[in-house]
Protein backbone atom coordinates (compact mmCIF):
# COMPACT_ATOMS: atom_id res chain seq x y z
CA MET A 1 45.52 99.41 101.52
CA ALA A 2 48.47 101.54 102.69
CA ALA A 3 51.96 100.92 101.27
CA PRO A 4 54.34 99.19 103.71
CA ASN A 5 56.71 101.35 105.60
CA LYS A 6 60.21 101.79 103.95
CA LYS A 7 62.98 100.05 105.98
CA ILE A 8 65.76 102.18 107.45
CA ARG A 9 68.49 99.64 107.52
CA LEU A 10 70.97 100.16 110.38
CA THR A 11 73.91 98.14 111.80
CA PHE A 12 74.98 98.87 115.39
CA LEU A 13 78.58 98.61 116.26
CA TRP A 14 80.22 99.32 119.68
CA ALA A 15 83.77 100.59 120.24
CA ASP A 16 84.40 97.78 122.72
CA GLU A 17 82.60 95.47 125.12
CA ALA A 18 82.77 98.06 127.80
CA ALA A 19 80.68 100.40 125.64
CA VAL A 20 78.19 97.56 125.17
CA VAL A 21 77.83 97.22 128.91
CA GLN A 22 77.55 100.96 129.43
CA ASP A 23 74.89 101.21 126.71
CA PHE A 24 72.92 98.12 127.87
CA ASN A 25 73.02 99.26 131.55
CA ALA A 26 71.35 102.50 130.54
CA GLY A 27 69.12 100.81 127.86
CA TYR A 28 70.38 103.80 125.64
CA SER A 29 70.43 102.28 122.18
CA LYS A 30 67.05 100.64 122.89
CA LYS A 31 65.49 104.10 123.85
CA LEU A 32 66.99 105.62 120.66
CA VAL A 33 65.45 102.98 118.57
CA GLU A 34 62.06 103.28 120.21
CA TRP A 35 62.14 107.10 119.77
CA ALA A 36 63.28 107.00 116.12
CA ASP A 37 60.87 104.16 115.26
CA ALA A 38 57.88 106.09 116.72
CA PHE A 39 59.01 109.21 114.85
CA TYR A 40 59.65 107.66 111.50
CA LYS A 41 56.59 105.52 111.31
CA ARG A 42 54.49 108.74 111.14
CA PHE A 43 56.20 109.37 107.75
CA GLY A 44 56.13 105.89 106.24
CA PHE A 45 59.48 104.55 107.48
CA GLU A 46 60.48 102.15 110.15
CA LEU A 47 63.85 100.99 111.64
CA ASP A 48 65.51 97.70 110.72
CA VAL A 49 68.23 97.28 113.23
CA GLN A 50 70.91 94.58 113.63
CA PRO A 51 71.38 93.40 116.28
CA ALA A 52 67.77 93.73 117.21
CA PRO A 53 67.17 95.89 120.27
CA GLY A 54 66.36 94.14 123.48
CA GLY A 55 68.87 91.26 123.10
CA LYS A 56 71.63 90.24 125.39
CA ALA A 57 74.95 91.94 125.75
CA GLU A 58 76.76 88.80 124.84
CA GLU A 59 75.21 88.96 121.45
CA ALA A 60 76.19 92.58 120.98
CA TYR A 61 79.86 91.68 121.79
CA ARG A 62 80.02 90.17 118.31
CA TYR A 63 79.46 93.70 116.92
CA ALA A 64 82.15 95.22 119.03
CA LEU A 65 85.10 96.79 117.13
CA ALA A 66 87.49 95.69 119.95
CA ARG A 67 87.46 93.59 123.07
CA SER A 68 88.72 96.32 125.35
CA LYS A 69 90.26 99.76 125.20
CA GLY A 70 88.01 100.83 122.32
CA TYR A 71 88.55 104.04 120.55
CA GLU A 72 87.35 107.15 122.24
CA PRO A 73 86.99 110.22 119.90
CA ASP A 74 87.59 113.74 121.10
CA HIS A 75 85.38 115.65 118.86
CA ASN A 76 85.78 118.93 120.51
CA ALA A 77 89.50 118.94 120.31
CA ALA A 78 89.33 118.15 116.67
CA VAL A 79 86.85 121.00 116.03
CA ASP A 80 88.97 123.47 118.19
CA PHE A 81 92.09 122.44 116.14
CA ALA A 82 90.28 122.97 112.94
CA LYS A 83 89.24 126.50 114.00
CA ARG A 84 92.72 127.29 115.02
CA LEU A 85 94.21 126.03 111.82
CA LEU A 86 91.74 128.07 109.93
CA SER A 87 92.64 131.26 111.83
CA VAL A 88 96.33 130.65 110.93
CA LYS A 89 95.48 129.96 107.25
CA LYS A 90 92.93 132.77 106.80
CA PRO A 91 95.08 135.73 105.84
CA VAL A 92 96.85 133.38 103.35
CA LEU A 93 93.61 131.93 102.15
CA ILE A 94 92.17 135.42 101.50
CA GLU A 95 95.12 136.26 99.27
CA TRP A 96 95.05 132.86 97.52
CA LEU A 97 91.40 133.29 96.76
CA ASP A 98 91.83 136.86 95.51
CA ALA A 99 94.75 135.79 93.23
CA ASP A 100 92.54 132.99 91.85
CA LYS A 101 89.69 135.57 91.25
CA GLN A 102 92.12 137.99 89.45
CA ILE A 103 93.48 135.17 87.34
CA ARG A 104 89.96 134.02 86.30
CA GLU A 105 89.10 137.69 85.36
CA LEU A 106 92.38 138.34 83.48
CA GLU A 107 92.74 135.20 81.43
CA PRO A 108 89.60 136.03 79.22
CA GLN A 109 90.74 139.56 78.98
CA GLU A 110 94.18 138.39 77.75
CA GLU A 111 92.66 136.00 75.30
CA ALA A 112 90.35 138.64 73.90
CA LYS A 113 93.32 141.05 73.41
CA ARG A 114 95.30 138.34 71.68
CA ARG A 115 92.48 137.87 69.23
CA GLU A 116 92.16 141.59 68.73
CA LEU A 117 95.88 141.85 67.93
CA GLY A 118 95.78 138.90 65.70
CA ALA A 119 92.89 140.48 63.69
CA ALA A 120 94.86 143.81 63.46
CA LEU A 121 97.96 142.03 62.14
CA ALA A 122 95.87 140.12 59.63
CA GLN A 123 94.69 143.37 58.14
CA PHE A 124 98.30 144.10 56.84
CA VAL A 125 97.58 141.67 54.02
CA GLY A 126 96.65 143.64 50.92
CA LEU A 127 96.71 146.92 52.90
CA PRO A 128 97.96 149.92 50.83
CA LEU A 129 101.54 150.97 51.91
CA ALA A 130 100.22 154.42 52.73
CA GLN A 131 97.99 153.02 55.59
CA TRP A 132 100.68 150.85 57.06
CA GLN A 133 101.86 153.38 59.73
CA ALA A 134 98.33 153.92 61.05
CA GLN A 135 97.91 150.15 61.18
CA LEU A 136 101.32 149.78 62.85
CA ASP A 137 100.38 152.29 65.48
CA LYS A 138 97.08 150.46 66.18
CA ALA A 139 98.80 147.10 66.36
CA GLY A 140 101.54 148.64 68.69
CA ALA A 141 98.98 149.97 71.02
CA LEU A 142 97.22 146.54 71.11
CA PHE A 143 100.52 144.81 71.66
CA ALA A 144 101.33 147.17 74.54
CA GLU A 145 97.92 146.46 76.15
CA LEU A 146 98.55 142.65 75.69
CA GLN A 147 101.87 143.02 77.34
CA GLY A 148 100.34 144.85 80.28
CA LEU A 149 97.65 142.15 80.71
CA ALA A 150 100.24 139.41 80.40
CA ALA A 151 102.39 141.04 83.07
CA LYS A 152 99.41 141.35 85.44
CA LEU A 153 98.37 137.71 84.80
CA ALA A 154 101.97 136.56 85.42
CA ALA A 155 102.05 138.52 88.75
CA GLN A 156 98.78 136.96 89.84
CA ARG A 157 99.90 133.55 88.93
CA LYS A 158 103.07 133.95 90.80
CA ARG A 159 101.09 135.35 93.82
CA TYR A 160 98.79 132.33 93.60
CA ALA A 161 101.77 129.94 93.55
CA ASP A 162 103.28 131.76 96.45
CA MET A 163 100.14 131.51 98.56
CA ASP A 164 99.69 127.90 97.58
CA ALA A 165 103.27 127.10 98.85
CA LYS A 166 102.51 129.03 102.09
CA LEU A 167 99.33 126.93 102.65
CA GLU A 168 101.28 123.76 101.94
CA ALA A 169 103.95 124.89 104.49
CA ILE A 170 101.20 125.54 107.13
CA ASP A 171 99.73 122.11 106.49
CA GLN A 172 103.23 120.57 106.85
CA GLN A 173 103.79 122.46 110.16
CA TYR A 174 100.53 121.25 111.61
CA ALA A 175 100.50 117.79 110.04
CA LYS A 176 101.44 115.93 113.21
CA GLU A 177 98.82 117.73 115.31
CA LYS A 178 96.26 117.13 112.58
CA GLU A 179 97.01 113.45 112.65
CA ASP A 180 96.78 113.35 116.42
CA ARG A 181 93.44 115.18 116.42
CA ASP A 182 91.83 113.14 113.60
CA PHE A 183 89.15 110.75 114.81
CA ASP A 184 87.81 109.73 111.44
CA VAL A 185 90.72 107.65 110.01
CA PRO A 186 91.13 105.63 113.23
CA VAL A 187 87.52 104.66 113.22
CA ARG A 188 87.50 103.87 109.54
CA LEU A 189 90.46 101.49 110.05
CA LEU A 190 88.55 99.75 112.88
CA ILE A 191 85.43 99.40 110.74
CA GLY A 192 87.54 98.16 107.91
CA ALA A 193 89.17 95.48 110.11
CA LYS A 194 85.80 94.45 111.28
CA VAL A 195 84.47 94.03 107.87
CA LEU A 196 87.59 92.01 106.78
CA ALA A 197 87.09 89.81 109.87
CA SER A 198 83.55 89.02 108.74
CA LEU A 199 84.68 87.68 105.26
CA ASP A 200 86.14 84.33 104.51
CA LEU A 201 89.03 85.48 102.40
CA SER A 202 89.85 81.89 101.44
CA LEU A 203 86.54 81.85 99.55
CA LEU A 204 87.08 84.92 97.59
CA THR A 205 85.39 87.36 99.97
CA HIS A 206 82.51 85.09 100.89
CA VAL A 207 80.84 86.31 104.05
CA LYS A 208 81.23 84.05 107.10
CA THR A 209 78.17 82.40 108.53
CA GLY A 210 76.38 84.52 111.05
CA ALA A 211 73.86 87.37 111.12
CA GLU A 212 76.46 89.75 112.43
CA ASN A 213 78.76 89.24 109.58
CA ASP A 214 76.01 89.81 106.96
CA ALA A 215 74.94 93.02 108.78
CA ILE A 216 78.60 94.33 109.13
CA VAL A 217 79.51 93.66 105.46
CA ASP A 218 76.21 94.77 103.88
CA PRO A 219 77.08 98.12 102.03
CA TYR A 220 73.34 99.11 102.07
CA ARG A 221 73.09 99.29 105.84
CA LEU A 222 74.13 102.47 107.69
CA LYS A 223 76.71 101.87 110.40
CA ILE A 224 76.15 103.39 113.90
CA ILE A 225 79.05 103.37 116.35
CA PHE A 226 78.33 103.59 120.01
CA CYS A 227 81.43 104.80 121.90
CA ARG A 228 82.60 106.93 124.86
CA PHE A 229 83.58 110.44 123.74
CA LYS A 230 86.83 111.52 125.42
CA PRO A 231 86.43 114.60 127.59
CA SER A 232 88.65 117.19 125.86
CA ALA A 233 91.51 118.76 127.80
CA ALA A 234 90.08 122.23 127.26
CA ALA A 235 86.73 121.20 128.76
CA MET A 236 88.57 119.52 131.81
CA MET A 237 90.60 122.75 132.43
CA ASP A 238 87.68 125.07 132.10
CA THR A 239 85.73 123.93 135.27
CA MET A 240 83.51 127.00 135.34
CA ARG A 241 82.17 126.46 131.73
CA PRO A 242 83.26 123.10 130.45
CA THR A 243 82.29 122.39 126.75
CA PRO A 244 80.44 119.00 126.64
CA GLN A 245 81.19 116.54 123.84
CA PRO A 246 78.23 116.33 121.40
CA PHE A 247 75.51 113.60 121.67
CA GLY A 248 76.64 112.29 118.28
CA PHE A 249 77.75 113.25 114.75
CA THR A 250 77.72 112.06 111.17
CA LEU A 251 80.67 111.33 108.94
CA TYR A 252 80.05 111.27 105.23
CA PRO A 253 81.61 108.89 102.52
CA ILE A 254 85.18 109.50 101.38
CA ASP A 255 86.75 108.65 97.94
CA PHE A 256 89.66 106.44 99.03
CA ASN A 257 89.77 103.16 100.83
CA THR A 258 93.39 102.52 101.85
CA VAL A 259 95.75 104.37 104.15
CA GLY A 260 99.41 103.14 104.79
CA GLY A 261 98.51 99.86 103.05
CA GLN A 262 95.67 99.15 105.37
CA TYR A 263 92.06 98.78 104.33
CA LEU A 264 90.04 101.95 105.28
CA TRP A 265 86.33 101.66 105.27
CA ASN A 266 85.06 104.59 103.28
CA GLY A 267 81.25 104.69 103.65
CA GLY A 268 79.13 107.14 105.71
CA TYR A 269 78.55 106.30 109.38
CA ILE A 270 77.29 107.90 112.63
CA MET A 271 79.03 108.00 116.00
CA ILE A 272 76.95 108.22 119.18
CA ASN A 273 78.14 109.18 122.54
CA VAL A 274 77.09 106.77 125.27
CA LEU A 275 78.36 109.24 128.00
CA ARG A 276 75.91 111.99 126.97
CA GLN A 277 72.41 110.83 126.19
CA GLU A 278 69.45 112.46 124.32
CA GLN A 279 66.73 110.29 122.80
CA ILE A 280 66.35 112.26 119.54
CA THR A 281 70.04 111.70 118.60
CA LEU A 282 69.72 108.61 116.36
CA ALA A 283 66.78 110.00 114.44
CA HIS A 284 68.44 113.30 114.02
CA GLU A 285 71.76 111.87 112.81
CA VAL A 286 70.11 109.56 110.39
CA VAL A 287 68.59 112.60 108.53
CA HIS A 288 72.21 114.05 108.38
CA ALA A 289 73.33 110.76 106.88
CA ALA A 290 70.62 111.04 104.21
CA GLY A 291 72.21 114.31 103.16
CA ARG A 292 70.66 117.07 105.17
CA HIS A 293 73.28 119.44 106.60
CA HIS A 294 73.09 122.22 109.27
CA ARG A 295 73.04 125.75 108.03
CA ASP A 296 76.17 127.65 108.65
CA ASP A 297 76.58 129.89 111.79
CA PHE A 298 75.83 133.53 111.11
CA GLU A 299 75.86 136.92 112.55
CA LYS A 300 72.50 138.26 113.96
CA MET A 301 71.34 141.26 115.80
CA LYS A 302 71.07 140.91 119.67
CA ASP A 303 67.68 141.13 121.40
CA LEU A 304 67.09 144.65 122.54
CA GLN A 305 66.80 143.66 126.25
CA GLN A 306 69.84 141.45 125.98
CA TYR A 307 71.81 144.28 124.46
CA ILE A 308 70.76 146.80 127.14
CA ARG A 309 71.90 144.45 129.86
CA GLN A 310 75.36 144.23 128.40
CA ILE A 311 75.93 147.96 128.59
CA ALA A 312 78.31 148.67 131.41
CA ALA A 313 80.55 151.34 132.70
CA ASP A 314 84.25 151.24 132.08
CA PRO A 315 85.89 150.57 135.65
CA VAL A 316 88.68 153.12 134.93
CA THR A 317 86.92 155.98 133.25
CA GLY A 318 83.44 155.41 134.36
CA GLN A 319 82.09 155.94 130.88
CA LEU A 320 79.54 153.74 129.40
CA VAL A 321 80.81 151.07 126.94
CA LEU A 322 78.58 150.12 124.22
CA PRO A 323 78.67 146.39 123.24
CA SER A 324 78.44 145.13 119.71
CA LEU A 325 74.91 144.99 118.29
CA TYR A 326 75.55 141.61 116.73
CA GLU A 327 76.28 138.18 118.02
CA ARG A 328 77.28 134.82 116.53
CA ALA A 329 74.27 132.49 116.09
CA ASP A 330 74.60 128.72 116.01
CA GLY A 331 72.95 127.74 112.61
CA GLY A 332 71.68 124.50 114.25
CA TYR A 333 68.99 126.49 116.17
CA TYR A 334 67.71 128.08 113.03
CA ASP A 335 67.33 125.01 110.72
CA GLY A 336 63.74 125.23 109.54
CA PRO A 337 60.85 125.53 112.05
CA ASP A 338 61.41 124.80 115.74
CA ASP A 339 59.88 121.32 115.27
CA ASP A 340 62.27 120.29 112.44
CA ILE A 341 64.01 117.08 113.27
CA ILE A 342 67.36 118.82 112.40
CA ASN A 343 66.69 121.96 114.53
CA TYR A 344 68.41 121.78 117.86
CA LYS A 345 65.39 123.13 119.47
CA SER A 346 63.66 119.70 118.85
CA LYS A 347 65.99 118.27 121.63
CA GLY A 348 63.99 116.82 124.56
CA LYS A 349 60.68 116.63 122.68
CA LYS A 350 58.49 113.61 122.13
CA PRO A 351 58.51 111.80 118.74
CA ASP A 352 54.98 113.28 117.92
CA GLN A 353 56.20 116.83 118.67
CA VAL A 354 58.85 116.73 115.91
CA THR A 355 58.46 116.69 112.14
CA LEU A 356 60.18 115.33 109.10
CA TYR A 357 59.45 117.79 106.43
CA PRO A 358 58.89 116.81 102.70
CA ASP A 359 62.38 117.57 101.46
CA ASP A 360 63.90 115.31 104.18
CA GLN A 361 61.28 112.67 103.51
CA LYS A 362 62.52 112.58 99.88
CA ARG A 363 66.20 112.50 101.05
CA MET A 364 65.33 109.61 103.29
CA ALA A 365 63.52 107.72 100.60
CA ASP A 366 66.63 108.14 98.32
CA ALA A 367 69.17 107.27 100.94
CA PHE A 368 71.48 104.21 100.19
CA PHE A 369 70.27 102.66 103.48
CA VAL A 370 66.55 103.03 102.73
CA LYS A 371 66.27 102.70 98.93
CA GLU A 372 65.87 99.14 97.75
CA PRO A 373 69.36 97.63 96.93
CA PRO A 374 69.89 96.54 93.33
CA ALA A 375 69.01 92.98 92.60
CA SER A 376 72.01 90.45 92.75
CA PRO A 377 73.20 89.46 89.24
């Protein structure tokens, strides 16, 4: 007899009641569950979703984070800001990292030279007077070498401190924009408020009656937030080639739970865009939540035909201009085989055309929202 499927425990939340209506009108969350369930059952898992798909919008309203005007993240603006901030920091970061490298190399050299000098000075005990000058010369040379290393180390430590101060100054300069672009903290505050609203604080954090309260408070269920992603200003201005907001993304746990005196929910969660729909999204993001990340972007050689097509004549001189042989590759399109659930090339495929490879099966089995919770004391 086959072992029962492991439950993937999910709690669906919506930014507001309008997001519920938009989702239910399209049947989007239901389609996501159907695709994910068909996919995961092939590998010994199945979804356990609250509220159960196929219910009424009025029931889902109890899982909304707000009645109206719910939070709309602008993921692209945040990513663009992070890239811009990194470009400002990059020259300083390079020096900061190099100073750190120099310090880590010089510190053991200085310590070794101190020990060598100490050993040379210890040899004066019982040394015949006639040999003192030679030993003094040796100790003097070692002392000079130690002074040189100490001076280099002091210079690198000052350089490190200077670069650290510059990085701090850049962070201060961009602090307001960073706060404006951040979409994680506002959502965590909303989830935190929803969790608190599900507790009867007069009974020492006893959960209020209602399935939605149990599902919202349960720390062993992964939270999925359905919301409208805000069209970024850059995408709206670039009418020729707008950059669409993503289908969804995963946020990982953080190590603090208050900000400005307010309760900040600090667990991992997934945000799904109800304005841009792709049926693999939920299954894909759940694997991220279990700990699988995309590989970094990288440089790769262009296809020869592509390279040839990019060769063009300079409009002024008429001479041929050779393009770069390399291009930036999105790591998401190179994550494992083309049928890997995490590979972007799996988008648009049916559940039986995509694979959960063994390493990800293990990650899923060990995930907090799959693994059996500890027994209550």
